[in-house]
Amino acid sequence: MATKLWASRAASYLRISAFHRAFATVPKDLKYTESHEWVKVDGNSATIGITDHAQKHLGDVVYVEFPEVGSSVEQFGSFGAVESVKASSDINSPVSGKVVEFNEELNNGPALINANCYEQGWILKVEMNKPEEVKALMDPDQYTKFCDEEDAKH
């Protein structure tokens, strides 16, 4: 720990970057929001979760709050929350539509989000009613740049 602290101070004096986090995984086949949710689109079906970047900042996830199947979600609107040992955070929908399924496995094992947020740790499936909204989301390169800039501010 002392070595890391010394290295960070040395880096700041030399005006060079010192990263305090492991680089987050950013799959190329997804779209992303500024609030760190991802969406995988297959026709009018959208699978939604939180990003690797988000789960690393949250820490160990202990609870996930879901909307009811059949309820509506709006693009960028909150539909639930993720609670971790560090904090609670709203989950926002990348797209508008009707909730058709939520990941029941997260009721018994919310840590699946930490283990594999892009596969077993997905949160919600939505039948999109405005597929064109996907165009307003970030691609992987834009999201990576966004995360780098956000982390540089902290």
C-alpha atoms as a PDB file:
ATOM      1  CA  MET A   1       0.000   0.000   0.000  1.00  0.00           C
ATOM      2  CA  ALA A   2       2.801   2.421   0.852  1.00  0.00           C
ATOM      3  CA  THR A   3       4.413   1.756  -2.534  1.00  0.00           C
ATOM      4  CA  LYS A   4       1.127   2.521  -4.313  1.00  0.00           C
ATOM      5  CA  LEU A   5       0.695   5.760  -2.340  1.00  0.00           C
ATOM      6  CA  TRP A   6       4.280   6.810  -3.054  1.00  0.00           C
ATOM      7  CA  ALA A   7       3.836   5.993  -6.767  1.00  0.00           C
ATOM      8  CA  SER A   8       0.622   8.050  -6.918  1.00  0.00           C
ATOM      9  CA  ARG A   9       2.291  11.059  -5.287  1.00  0.00           C
ATOM     10  CA  ALA A  10       5.303  10.752  -7.572  1.00  0.00           C
ATOM     11  CA  ALA A  11       3.014  10.548 -10.592  1.00  0.00           C
ATOM     12  CA  SER A  12       1.138  13.670  -9.535  1.00  0.00           C
ATOM     13  CA  TYR A  13       4.383  15.627  -9.081  1.00  0.00           C
ATOM     14  CA  LEU A  14       5.541  14.501 -12.501  1.00  0.00           C
ATOM     15  CA  ARG A  15       2.089  15.262 -13.972  1.00  0.00           C
ATOM     16  CA  ILE A  16       1.582  11.760 -15.340  1.00  0.00           C
ATOM     17  CA  SER A  17      -1.424   9.499 -14.944  1.00  0.00           C
ATOM     18  CA  ALA A  18      -1.616   6.794 -12.313  1.00  0.00           C
ATOM     19  CA  PHE A  19      -4.622   4.516 -12.645  1.00  0.00           C
ATOM     20  CA  HIS A  20      -6.102   3.180  -9.435  1.00  0.00           C
ATOM     21  CA  ARG A  21      -8.470   0.694 -11.066  1.00  0.00           C
ATOM     22  CA  ALA A  22      -8.187  -2.276 -13.278  1.00  0.00           C
ATOM     23  CA  PHE A  23      -9.395  -1.486 -16.751  1.00  0.00           C
ATOM     24  CA  ALA A  24     -13.059  -2.355 -17.191  1.00  0.00           C
ATOM     25  CA  THR A  25     -14.249  -4.767 -19.828  1.00  0.00           C
ATOM     26  CA  VAL A  26     -16.237  -3.095 -22.626  1.00  0.00           C
ATOM     27  CA  PRO A  27     -17.766  -5.651 -25.035  1.00  0.00           C
ATOM     28  CA  LYS A  28     -17.944  -4.482 -28.643  1.00  0.00           C
ATOM     29  CA  ASP A  29     -21.494  -5.737 -29.358  1.00  0.00           C
ATOM     30  CA  LEU A  30     -23.272  -3.537 -26.787  1.00  0.00           C
ATOM     31  CA  LYS A  31     -24.394   0.076 -26.433  1.00  0.00           C
ATOM     32  CA  TYR A  32     -23.849   2.161 -23.289  1.00  0.00           C
ATOM     33  CA  THR A  33     -25.302   5.028 -21.242  1.00  0.00           C
ATOM     34  CA  GLU A  34     -23.567   7.799 -19.304  1.00  0.00           C
ATOM     35  CA  SER A  35     -25.071   6.307 -16.125  1.00  0.00           C
ATOM     36  CA  HIS A  36     -23.161   3.045 -16.837  1.00  0.00           C
ATOM     37  CA  GLU A  37     -25.856   0.704 -18.098  1.00  0.00           C
ATOM     38  CA  TRP A  38     -25.430  -1.524 -21.142  1.00  0.00           C
ATOM     39  CA  VAL A  39     -27.950  -2.860 -23.631  1.00  0.00           C
ATOM     40  CA  LYS A  40     -27.752  -5.765 -26.049  1.00  0.00           C
ATOM     41  CA  VAL A  41     -30.286  -5.452 -28.845  1.00  0.00           C
ATOM     42  CA  ASP A  42     -31.712  -8.434 -30.729  1.00  0.00           C
ATOM     43  CA  GLY A  43     -34.534  -7.275 -33.002  1.00  0.00           C
ATOM     44  CA  ASN A  44     -37.027  -5.527 -30.701  1.00  0.00           C
ATOM     45  CA  SER A  45     -35.689  -7.329 -27.625  1.00  0.00           C
ATOM     46  CA  ALA A  46     -33.227  -5.554 -25.342  1.00  0.00           C
ATOM     47  CA  THR A  47     -31.231  -7.131 -22.519  1.00  0.00           C
ATOM     48  CA  ILE A  48     -30.063  -4.584 -19.933  1.00  0.00           C
ATOM     49  CA  GLY A  49     -27.479  -4.583 -17.154  1.00  0.00           C
ATOM     50  CA  ILE A  50     -24.892  -2.436 -15.436  1.00  0.00           C
ATOM     51  CA  THR A  51     -21.385  -2.179 -16.839  1.00  0.00           C
ATOM     52  CA  ASP A  52     -18.169  -3.654 -15.528  1.00  0.00           C
ATOM     53  CA  HIS A  53     -17.024  -0.108 -14.771  1.00  0.00           C
ATOM     54  CA  ALA A  54     -20.130   0.446 -12.602  1.00  0.00           C
ATOM     55  CA  GLN A  55     -19.904  -2.831 -10.697  1.00  0.00           C
ATOM     56  CA  LYS A  56     -16.222  -2.250  -9.930  1.00  0.00           C
ATOM     57  CA  HIS A  57     -17.025   1.165  -8.464  1.00  0.00           C
ATOM     58  CA  LEU A  58     -19.974  -0.197  -6.477  1.00  0.00           C
ATOM     59  CA  GLY A  59     -18.124  -3.133  -4.959  1.00  0.00           C
ATOM     60  CA  ASP A  60     -19.877  -6.310  -3.805  1.00  0.00           C
ATOM     61  CA  VAL A  61     -23.523  -6.210  -4.933  1.00  0.00           C
ATOM     62  CA  VAL A  62     -25.880  -7.431  -2.183  1.00  0.00           C
ATOM     63  CA  TYR A  63     -29.360  -6.581  -3.533  1.00  0.00           C
ATOM     64  CA  VAL A  64     -31.093  -5.718  -6.820  1.00  0.00           C
ATOM     65  CA  GLU A  65     -34.515  -4.040  -7.057  1.00  0.00           C
ATOM     66  CA  PHE A  66     -36.541  -4.923 -10.177  1.00  0.00           C
ATOM     67  CA  PRO A  67     -39.671  -3.535 -11.827  1.00  0.00           C
ATOM     68  CA  GLU A  68     -42.625  -5.849 -12.355  1.00  0.00           C
ATOM     69  CA  VAL A  69     -43.003  -7.814 -15.579  1.00  0.00           C
ATOM     70  CA  GLY A  70     -45.449  -5.915 -17.789  1.00  0.00           C
ATOM     71  CA  SER A  71     -44.467  -2.490 -16.472  1.00  0.00           C
ATOM     72  CA  SER A  72     -43.137   0.213 -18.769  1.00  0.00           C
ATOM     73  CA  VAL A  73     -39.678   1.758 -18.724  1.00  0.00           C
ATOM     74  CA  GLU A  74     -38.607   4.987 -20.395  1.00  0.00           C
ATOM     75  CA  GLN A  75     -35.225   5.721 -21.940  1.00  0.00           C
ATOM     76  CA  PHE A  76     -32.869   7.115 -19.278  1.00  0.00           C
ATOM     77  CA  GLY A  77     -35.591   6.731 -16.621  1.00  0.00           C
ATOM     78  CA  SER A  78     -34.928   4.859 -13.391  1.00  0.00           C
ATOM     79  CA  PHE A  79     -36.475   1.396 -13.106  1.00  0.00           C
ATOM     80  CA  GLY A  80     -34.753  -0.077 -10.063  1.00  0.00           C
ATOM     81  CA  ALA A  81     -31.665   0.000  -7.890  1.00  0.00           C
ATOM     82  CA  VAL A  82     -28.491  -1.906  -7.139  1.00  0.00           C
ATOM     83  CA  GLU A  83     -27.258  -1.961  -3.551  1.00  0.00           C
ATOM     84  CA  SER A  84     -23.706  -2.848  -2.639  1.00  0.00           C
ATOM     85  CA  VAL A  85     -21.595  -2.854   0.491  1.00  0.00           C
ATOM     86  CA  LYS A  86     -20.472   0.673  -0.496  1.00  0.00           C
ATOM     87  CA  ALA A  87     -23.563   2.393  -1.901  1.00  0.00           C
ATOM     88  CA  SER A  88     -26.966   2.231  -3.544  1.00  0.00           C
ATOM     89  CA  SER A  89     -27.382   3.315  -7.142  1.00  0.00           C
ATOM     90  CA  ASP A  90     -30.396   3.765  -9.410  1.00  0.00           C
ATOM     91  CA  ILE A  91     -30.532   1.689 -12.573  1.00  0.00           C
ATOM     92  CA  ASN A  92     -31.679   3.598 -15.655  1.00  0.00           C
ATOM     93  CA  SER A  93     -33.080   2.063 -18.798  1.00  0.00           C
ATOM     94  CA  PRO A  94     -31.096   2.624 -21.998  1.00  0.00           C
ATOM     95  CA  VAL A  95     -34.314   2.160 -24.046  1.00  0.00           C
ATOM     96  CA  SER A  96     -38.085   2.521 -23.691  1.00  0.00           C
ATOM     97  CA  GLY A  97     -40.431  -0.428 -23.693  1.00  0.00           C
ATOM     98  CA  LYS A  98     -42.267  -3.084 -21.729  1.00  0.00           C
ATOM     99  CA  VAL A  99     -40.517  -5.296 -19.161  1.00  0.00           C
ATOM    100  CA  VAL A 100     -40.827  -8.922 -20.306  1.00  0.00           C
ATOM    101  CA  GLU A 101     -38.412 -10.612 -17.888  1.00  0.00           C
ATOM    102  CA  PHE A 102     -36.049  -9.937 -15.013  1.00  0.00           C
ATOM    103  CA  ASN A 103     -33.107 -12.068 -13.949  1.00  0.00           C
ATOM    104  CA  GLU A 104     -34.562 -14.118 -11.080  1.00  0.00           C
ATOM    105  CA  GLU A 105     -31.111 -15.598 -10.399  1.00  0.00           C
ATOM    106  CA  LEU A 106     -30.116 -12.220  -8.942  1.00  0.00           C
ATOM    107  CA  ASN A 107     -32.652 -12.673  -6.106  1.00  0.00           C
ATOM    108  CA  ASN A 108     -30.553 -15.501  -4.692  1.00  0.00           C
ATOM    109  CA  GLY A 109     -27.160 -14.383  -5.971  1.00  0.00           C
ATOM    110  CA  PRO A 110     -26.862 -10.653  -6.693  1.00  0.00           C
ATOM    111  CA  ALA A 111     -23.077 -11.109  -6.749  1.00  0.00           C
ATOM    112  CA  LEU A 112     -23.543 -12.557 -10.269  1.00  0.00           C
ATOM    113  CA  ILE A 113     -23.338  -8.913 -11.335  1.00  0.00           C
ATOM    114  CA  ASN A 114     -19.806  -8.743  -9.919  1.00  0.00           C
ATOM    115  CA  ALA A 115     -18.832 -12.137 -11.331  1.00  0.00           C
ATOM    116  CA  ASN A 116     -20.076 -11.566 -14.888  1.00  0.00           C
ATOM    117  CA  CYS A 117     -22.185  -8.465 -15.431  1.00  0.00           C
ATOM    118  CA  TYR A 118     -22.507  -9.041 -19.189  1.00  0.00           C
ATOM    119  CA  GLU A 119     -23.670 -12.664 -19.177  1.00  0.00           C
ATOM    120  CA  GLN A 120     -25.162 -14.230 -16.029  1.00  0.00           C
ATOM    121  CA  GLY A 121     -25.461 -10.822 -14.335  1.00  0.00           C
ATOM    122  CA  TRP A 122     -27.928  -9.234 -16.774  1.00  0.00           C
ATOM    123  CA  ILE A 123     -30.808  -7.486 -14.985  1.00  0.00           C
ATOM    124  CA  LEU A 124     -33.780  -6.969 -17.282  1.00  0.00           C
ATOM    125  CA  LYS A 125     -35.242  -7.817 -20.676  1.00  0.00           C
ATOM    126  CA  VAL A 126     -37.427  -5.275 -22.424  1.00  0.00           C
ATOM    127  CA  GLU A 127     -39.543  -5.378 -25.560  1.00  0.00           C
ATOM    128  CA  MET A 128     -38.573  -2.050 -27.131  1.00  0.00           C
ATOM    129  CA  ASN A 129     -41.290   0.246 -28.437  1.00  0.00           C
ATOM    130  CA  LYS A 130     -38.852   2.839 -29.848  1.00  0.00           C
ATOM    131  CA  PRO A 131     -35.902   0.928 -31.366  1.00  0.00           C
ATOM    132  CA  GLU A 132     -34.514   4.151 -32.860  1.00  0.00           C
ATOM    133  CA  GLU A 133     -33.523   5.246 -29.310  1.00  0.00           C
ATOM    134  CA  VAL A 134     -30.475   2.986 -29.562  1.00  0.00           C
ATOM    135  CA  LYS A 135     -28.909   5.630 -31.836  1.00  0.00           C
ATOM    136  CA  ALA A 136     -28.656   7.991 -28.829  1.00  0.00           C
ATOM    137  CA  LEU A 137     -26.410   5.559 -26.918  1.00  0.00           C
ATOM    138  CA  MET A 138     -22.629   5.342 -26.875  1.00  0.00           C
ATOM    139  CA  ASP A 139     -20.711   2.724 -28.831  1.00  0.00           C
ATOM    140  CA  PRO A 140     -17.865   0.867 -27.036  1.00  0.00           C
ATOM    141  CA  ASP A 141     -15.156   3.333 -28.093  1.00  0.00           C
ATOM    142  CA  GLN A 142     -17.215   6.341 -26.986  1.00  0.00           C
ATOM    143  CA  TYR A 143     -18.027   4.658 -23.673  1.00  0.00           C
ATOM    144  CA  THR A 144     -14.372   3.781 -23.011  1.00  0.00           C
ATOM    145  CA  LYS A 145     -13.376   7.396 -23.650  1.00  0.00           C
ATOM    146  CA  PHE A 146     -16.237   8.610 -21.422  1.00  0.00           C
ATOM    147  CA  CYS A 147     -15.061   6.363 -18.548  1.00  0.00           C
ATOM    148  CA  ASP A 148     -11.443   7.473 -18.938  1.00  0.00           C
ATOM    149  CA  GLU A 149     -12.482  11.141 -18.819  1.00  0.00           C
ATOM    150  CA  GLU A 150     -14.788  10.541 -15.850  1.00  0.00           C
ATOM    151  CA  ASP A 151     -12.074   8.706 -13.911  1.00  0.00           C
ATOM    152  CA  ALA A 152      -9.536  11.448 -14.668  1.00  0.00           C
ATOM    153  CA  LYS A 153     -11.795  13.933 -12.822  1.00  0.00           C
ATOM    154  CA  HIS A 154     -11.624  11.882  -9.619  1.00  0.00           C
END
